[in-house]
Protein backbone atom coordinates (compact mmCIF):
# COMPACT_ATOMS: atom_id res chain seq x y z
CA UNK A 1 -0.08 1.04 -20.85
CA UNK A 2 2.64 1.15 -18.54
CA UNK A 3 2.35 5.04 -15.67
CA UNK A 4 5.75 3.61 -14.30
CA UNK A 5 8.68 2.23 -15.37
CA UNK A 6 10.89 0.77 -12.26
CA UNK A 7 13.82 -0.51 -13.94
CA UNK A 8 16.80 -2.17 -11.98
CA UNK A 9 16.72 0.62 -9.25
CA UNK A 10 20.03 0.88 -6.85
CA UNK A 11 20.09 3.93 -5.12
CA UNK A 12 23.32 4.59 -2.52
CA UNK A 13 24.25 7.12 -0.06
CA UNK A 14 28.10 6.92 0.92
CA UNK A 15 27.99 3.12 1.98
CA UNK A 16 24.48 2.62 2.13
CA UNK A 17 22.58 1.20 -0.26
CA UNK A 18 18.82 2.12 0.78
CA UNK A 19 17.29 0.11 -2.53
CA UNK A 20 18.74 -2.29 -4.40
CA UNK A 21 18.01 -3.46 -7.82
CA UNK A 22 13.60 -2.53 -7.16
CA UNK A 23 11.49 -3.51 -10.78
CA UNK A 24 8.27 -2.24 -10.36
CA UNK A 25 5.57 -1.51 -13.70
CA UNK A 26 2.35 0.42 -12.66
CA UNK A 27 -0.08 -0.03 -15.63
CA UNK A 28 -2.71 2.31 -16.88
CA UNK A 29 -5.82 1.91 -14.07
CA UNK A 30 -4.25 -0.12 -11.57
CA UNK A 31 -3.83 0.72 -8.10
CA UNK A 32 -0.82 -0.72 -6.45
CA UNK A 33 -0.58 -1.62 -3.10
CA UNK A 34 3.47 -0.36 -1.39
CA UNK A 35 3.79 -1.93 1.20
CA UNK A 36 6.44 -2.22 3.60
CA UNK A 37 8.13 -1.79 7.65
CA UNK A 38 10.16 1.72 8.70
CA UNK A 39 13.16 1.29 7.00
CA UNK A 40 12.38 -0.94 4.00
CA UNK A 41 12.94 1.46 1.16
CA UNK A 42 9.25 3.52 0.56
CA UNK A 43 10.32 6.65 1.06
CA UNK A 44 13.50 6.65 -1.34
CA UNK A 45 11.49 4.89 -3.50
CA UNK A 46 8.85 7.58 -3.89
CA UNK A 47 11.52 10.70 -3.61
CA UNK A 48 13.17 9.27 -6.57
CA UNK A 49 9.69 9.08 -8.59
CA UNK A 50 8.74 12.78 -7.40
CA UNK A 51 12.04 13.33 -9.35
CA UNK A 52 13.50 15.37 -5.80
CA UNK A 53 16.38 12.57 -5.90
CA UNK A 54 18.61 10.94 -8.82
CA UNK A 55 18.71 7.60 -8.44
CA UNK A 56 22.42 5.32 -7.99
CA UNK A 57 22.16 3.25 -10.94
CA UNK A 58 18.89 2.07 -13.81
CA UNK A 59 16.62 3.90 -14.38
CA UNK A 60 12.78 5.12 -13.38
CA UNK A 61 10.06 6.39 -16.00
CA UNK A 62 6.77 7.61 -15.87
CA UNK A 63 4.43 8.71 -18.94
CA UNK A 64 7.78 7.41 -20.56
CA UNK A 65 9.76 10.34 -19.38
CA UNK A 66 12.96 9.77 -17.02
CA UNK A 67 11.63 10.75 -14.25
CA UNK A 68 14.16 13.34 -12.62
CA UNK A 69 15.45 15.45 -16.12
CA UNK A 70 12.12 15.08 -17.10
CA UNK A 71 10.50 16.14 -13.77
CA UNK A 72 8.44 19.21 -14.69
CA UNK A 73 6.17 18.18 -17.43
CA UNK A 74 5.87 14.93 -15.26
CA UNK A 75 4.10 16.96 -12.62
CA UNK A 76 1.62 18.48 -14.52
CA UNK A 77 0.49 15.22 -14.55
CA UNK A 78 0.76 13.74 -11.11
CA UNK A 79 -0.76 14.55 -7.91
CA UNK A 80 0.85 13.53 -4.99
CA UNK A 81 0.07 13.52 -0.38
CA UNK A 82 2.64 12.96 2.13
CA UNK A 83 2.68 11.18 5.56
CA UNK A 84 3.71 14.39 6.87
CA UNK A 85 2.06 17.75 5.95
CA UNK A 86 3.19 20.89 6.40
CA UNK A 87 0.95 23.85 6.01
CA UNK A 88 1.40 28.13 5.81
CA UNK A 89 0.82 28.69 9.79
CA UNK A 90 -0.98 32.12 9.31
CA UNK A 91 -2.69 30.71 6.18
CA UNK A 92 -6.22 28.95 6.58
CA UNK A 93 -7.00 25.72 5.27
CA UNK A 94 -9.20 27.30 1.97
CA UNK A 95 -6.01 29.87 1.33
CA UNK A 96 -3.91 26.92 0.87
CA UNK A 97 -6.45 24.33 -0.72
CA UNK A 98 -6.16 27.63 -3.35
CA UNK A 99 -2.58 28.29 -4.08
CA UNK A 100 -2.46 24.01 -3.99
CA UNK A 101 -5.05 23.86 -6.97
CA UNK A 102 -3.85 27.00 -8.67
CA UNK A 103 -0.58 25.63 -10.03
CA UNK A 104 -3.04 23.15 -12.39
CA UNK A 105 -4.69 26.17 -13.85
CA UNK A 106 -8.19 26.88 -12.82
CA UNK A 107 -9.31 25.72 -9.20
CA UNK A 108 -12.06 23.71 -10.01
CA UNK A 109 -14.12 25.19 -7.46
CA UNK A 110 -17.17 22.84 -7.04
CA UNK A 111 -14.79 19.49 -6.80
CA UNK A 112 -13.67 21.38 -3.97
CA UNK A 113 -16.09 22.46 -1.86
CA UNK A 114 -17.52 18.59 -2.60
CA UNK A 115 -14.49 17.39 -0.84
CA UNK A 116 -14.24 20.05 1.83
CA UNK A 117 -17.66 18.71 2.61
CA UNK A 118 -16.97 14.99 2.58
CA UNK A 119 -13.80 15.19 4.99
CA UNK A 120 -15.62 17.79 7.06
CA UNK A 121 -13.14 20.53 6.84
CA UNK A 122 -13.96 24.43 8.23
CA UNK A 123 -11.55 25.47 5.43
CA UNK A 124 -12.03 29.51 7.35
CA UNK A 125 -9.59 27.64 10.68
CA UNK A 126 -5.68 29.52 10.27
CA UNK A 127 -3.57 26.49 9.77
CA UNK A 128 -1.74 26.72 12.80
CA UNK A 129 -4.58 25.64 14.74
CA UNK A 130 -5.33 22.06 12.43
CA UNK A 131 -5.03 18.96 13.99
CA UNK A 132 -2.34 16.37 12.65
CA UNK A 133 -5.33 14.67 10.45
CA UNK A 134 -6.79 18.49 9.30
CA UNK A 135 -3.53 18.50 7.84
CA UNK A 136 -4.04 15.74 6.38
CA UNK A 137 -7.35 16.14 5.01
CA UNK A 138 -5.62 19.36 3.63
CA UNK A 139 -3.29 17.66 1.51
CA UNK A 140 -5.87 15.33 0.18
CA UNK A 141 -8.57 17.25 -0.24
CA UNK A 142 -5.87 19.00 -3.06
CA UNK A 143 -4.73 16.22 -4.85
CA UNK A 144 -7.89 14.63 -5.33
CA UNK A 145 -9.77 17.92 -7.11
CA UNK A 146 -6.64 18.01 -9.10
CA UNK A 147 -7.13 16.19 -11.94
CA UNK A 148 -4.21 14.50 -12.39
CA UNK A 149 -3.36 10.42 -14.25
CA UNK A 150 -1.11 9.44 -11.22
CA UNK A 151 -1.82 9.69 -7.89
CA UNK A 152 1.11 8.76 -5.21
CA UNK A 153 -0.24 8.38 -1.70
CA UNK A 154 2.69 8.24 0.44
CA UNK A 155 0.53 6.97 4.62
CA UNK A 156 -2.79 8.97 2.98
CA UNK A 157 -4.23 8.11 6.30
CA UNK A 158 -1.87 8.60 8.78
CA UNK A 159 -3.95 10.94 11.25
CA UNK A 160 -7.49 10.56 10.04
CA UNK A 161 -10.07 8.75 12.04
CA UNK A 162 -11.41 5.56 10.83
CA UNK A 163 -14.66 7.46 9.62
CA UNK A 164 -12.34 9.40 7.19
CA UNK A 165 -10.70 6.86 6.61
CA UNK A 166 -13.40 5.46 4.58
CA UNK A 167 -14.10 9.04 3.07
CA UNK A 168 -10.60 8.40 1.68
CA UNK A 169 -11.30 4.98 0.27
CA UNK A 170 -14.40 5.43 -1.44
CA UNK A 171 -12.44 8.27 -2.62
CA UNK A 172 -9.83 6.55 -4.06
CA UNK A 173 -13.05 3.51 -5.72
CA UNK A 174 -14.18 6.54 -7.69
CA UNK A 175 -10.39 7.66 -8.80
CA UNK A 176 -10.11 3.43 -10.23
CA UNK A 177 -13.69 3.69 -11.81
CA UNK A 178 -12.07 6.42 -13.95
CA UNK A 179 -8.90 4.91 -14.65
CA UNK A 180 -6.88 6.86 -13.17
CA UNK A 181 -3.26 5.14 -11.64
CA UNK A 182 -2.81 5.24 -8.24
CA UNK A 183 0.07 3.75 -5.88
CA UNK A 184 -0.53 3.78 -2.61
CA UNK A 185 1.85 3.29 0.33
CA UNK A 186 -0.01 2.96 4.15
CA UNK A 187 0.96 0.79 7.19
CA UNK A 188 -2.78 0.56 6.73
CA UNK A 189 -2.47 -3.54 5.20
CA UNK A 190 -6.55 -3.65 5.24
CA UNK A 191 -6.75 -0.68 3.31
CA UNK A 192 -4.62 -2.05 0.89
CA UNK A 193 -6.29 -4.78 0.93
CA UNK A 194 -9.64 -3.70 0.17
CA UNK A 195 -8.28 -0.94 -2.59
CA UNK A 196 -5.54 -2.42 -4.23
CA UNK A 197 -5.67 -4.30 -7.51
CA UNK A 198 -1.59 -5.60 -7.14
CA UNK A 199 0.78 -5.41 -4.40
CA UNK A 200 4.84 -5.17 -4.39
CA UNK A 201 6.40 -5.43 -1.13
CA UNK A 202 9.92 -4.22 -0.41
CA UNK A 203 12.61 -5.71 1.99
CA UNK A 204 15.37 -4.49 3.36
CA UNK A 205 15.63 -1.80 -0.02
CA UNK A 206 14.91 -5.13 -2.69
CA UNK A 207 11.24 -6.16 -3.81
CA UNK A 208 10.68 -9.47 -2.72
CA UNK A 209 7.17 -10.52 -3.90
CA UNK A 210 4.94 -8.93 -6.42
CA UNK A 211 1.24 -9.66 -7.48
CA UNK A 212 -2.76 -9.69 -6.49
CA UNK A 213 -3.45 -10.52 -3.40
CA UNK A 214 -4.72 -13.58 -5.39
CA UNK A 215 -1.44 -14.45 -6.94
CA UNK A 216 0.19 -14.59 -3.30
CA UNK A 217 -2.38 -16.47 -1.01
CA UNK A 218 -2.09 -19.47 -3.98
CA UNK A 219 2.31 -19.85 -3.38
CA UNK A 220 2.49 -18.95 0.22
CA UNK A 221 0.43 -20.36 3.08
CA UNK A 222 -3.55 -20.95 3.67
CA UNK A 223 -5.48 -21.22 7.05
CA UNK A 224 -6.86 -23.59 8.01
CA UNK A 225 -9.31 -25.25 11.05
CA UNK A 226 -9.67 -28.81 11.91
CA UNK A 227 -12.34 -30.44 13.98
CA UNK A 228 -11.34 -34.19 15.31
CA UNK A 229 -12.20 -36.66 17.73
CA UNK A 230 -9.50 -37.32 19.70
CA UNK A 231 -6.37 -35.13 19.62
CA UNK A 232 -3.33 -34.58 16.77
CA UNK A 233 -0.57 -34.85 19.30
CA UNK A 234 1.67 -35.14 16.90
CA UNK A 235 0.44 -31.95 14.79
CA UNK A 236 3.13 -29.86 16.43
CA UNK A 237 6.19 -32.30 13.92
CA UNK A 238 4.34 -31.88 11.10
CA UNK A 239 6.76 -30.04 8.45
CA UNK A 240 5.17 -26.96 6.75
CA UNK A 241 2.90 -26.11 9.70
CA UNK A 242 2.70 -23.20 11.92
CA UNK A 243 1.58 -21.33 14.78
CA UNK A 244 -0.77 -24.08 15.69
CA UNK A 245 -4.01 -22.91 18.17
CA UNK A 246 -5.92 -25.42 20.41
CA UNK A 247 -9.41 -25.02 21.43
CA UNK A 248 -10.39 -28.40 23.13
CA UNK A 249 -10.39 -30.74 19.97
CA UNK A 250 -10.70 -27.61 17.83
CA UNK A 251 -6.98 -26.72 15.79
CA UNK A 252 -6.41 -24.14 14.05
CA UNK A 253 -2.63 -23.72 12.12
CA UNK A 254 -1.41 -22.48 9.02
CA UNK A 255 0.26 -24.68 6.16
CA UNK A 256 2.99 -24.13 4.04
CA UNK A 257 1.28 -24.91 0.85
CA UNK A 258 4.95 -26.40 -0.97
CA UNK A 259 3.46 -29.33 2.41
CA UNK A 260 -0.30 -29.18 1.79
CA UNK A 261 -0.09 -33.02 0.08
CA UNK A 262 1.28 -33.84 3.42
CA UNK A 263 -0.09 -32.17 5.93
CA UNK A 264 -3.86 -33.21 4.49
CA UNK A 265 -2.17 -37.30 4.35
CA UNK A 266 -1.80 -36.70 7.74
CA UNK A 267 -5.25 -35.36 8.38
CA UNK A 268 -7.08 -38.57 6.56
CA UNK A 269 -5.15 -40.78 8.97
CA UNK A 270 -6.86 -38.98 11.60
CA UNK A 271 -10.35 -39.41 12.77
CA UNK A 272 -11.27 -35.81 11.34
CA UNK A 273 -15.05 -34.37 11.85
CA UNK A 274 -14.91 -31.45 9.62
CA UNK A 275 -11.64 -29.56 7.83
CA UNK A 276 -12.16 -25.56 5.83
CA UNK A 277 -9.56 -23.79 4.67
CA UNK A 278 -9.62 -19.61 4.88
CA UNK A 279 -7.82 -17.53 2.08
CA UNK A 280 -5.17 -15.27 3.83
CA UNK A 281 -5.35 -11.09 4.87
CA UNK A 282 -2.89 -9.56 3.34
CA UNK A 283 -1.67 -8.56 7.23
CA UNK A 284 -1.08 -13.00 6.88
CA UNK A 285 1.19 -12.28 3.71
CA UNK A 286 3.33 -10.07 4.58
CA UNK A 287 3.61 -11.56 7.91
CA UNK A 288 4.83 -15.12 6.48
CA UNK A 289 6.51 -13.14 4.00
CA UNK A 290 9.73 -11.24 7.18
CA UNK A 291 9.12 -14.37 9.26
CA UNK A 292 10.42 -16.58 5.78
CA UNK A 293 12.94 -13.61 5.38
CA UNK A 294 11.53 -13.14 2.07
CA UNK A 295 12.49 -16.59 0.50
């Protein structure tokens, strides 16, 4: 069942087009990674999902409700964590967490306390004394303690150390186990790769690729390592071969999937000792899309 439905979404600020014909569906229980460089349109899309901006055209529906005109009932079933958290400076962290939780009804004290322990937060300190990482923990604890159906995380681990990043990832997996729906925007591609069922890549306000990592791996490039008896002097001239690295008689390189038959034929004509293929990481795929202009 679709939880988020974005159809032909465009957003203009004056003459500047921030989003153009964005289409994305997030189904119940999915963890979807939303990635792209700064200025690609991620934050604008999220602000529209939150009902903070009205689309210029197209539609955005959450729980089958209009994200802008029906934001209030949507927010009752949603939790959100921004990448830059601002808190009331003279309140303690614990007070802020409780204020945020009270907006959704009775405070789930047991879950709140479990998360405070997991994230190693001192809730008695005033917010003005907190580092960026500790401010981020406040927002994460408040969101994760909320019994929501949809969680939107926008750079949620910004400022966290690797140990706390791991805690966050464990919490996301727990939500996933309970069939919660998650939209995760993050620059930490290894985190997205580890957690997400589906990935949407946005560039210049347009989503250029959507699908599972496994699907994307089959339609972009492959990484090969080849050991040979004699140098492959003309490997550099083969179409569809990129980023060749040579270490003696070992070559490592990427091959566009469309060029694999040609490259295999080429390699078969040489003295190959061994050949191995490795699946691409999300970072490899991300860079391949941007190097090729998203084609």
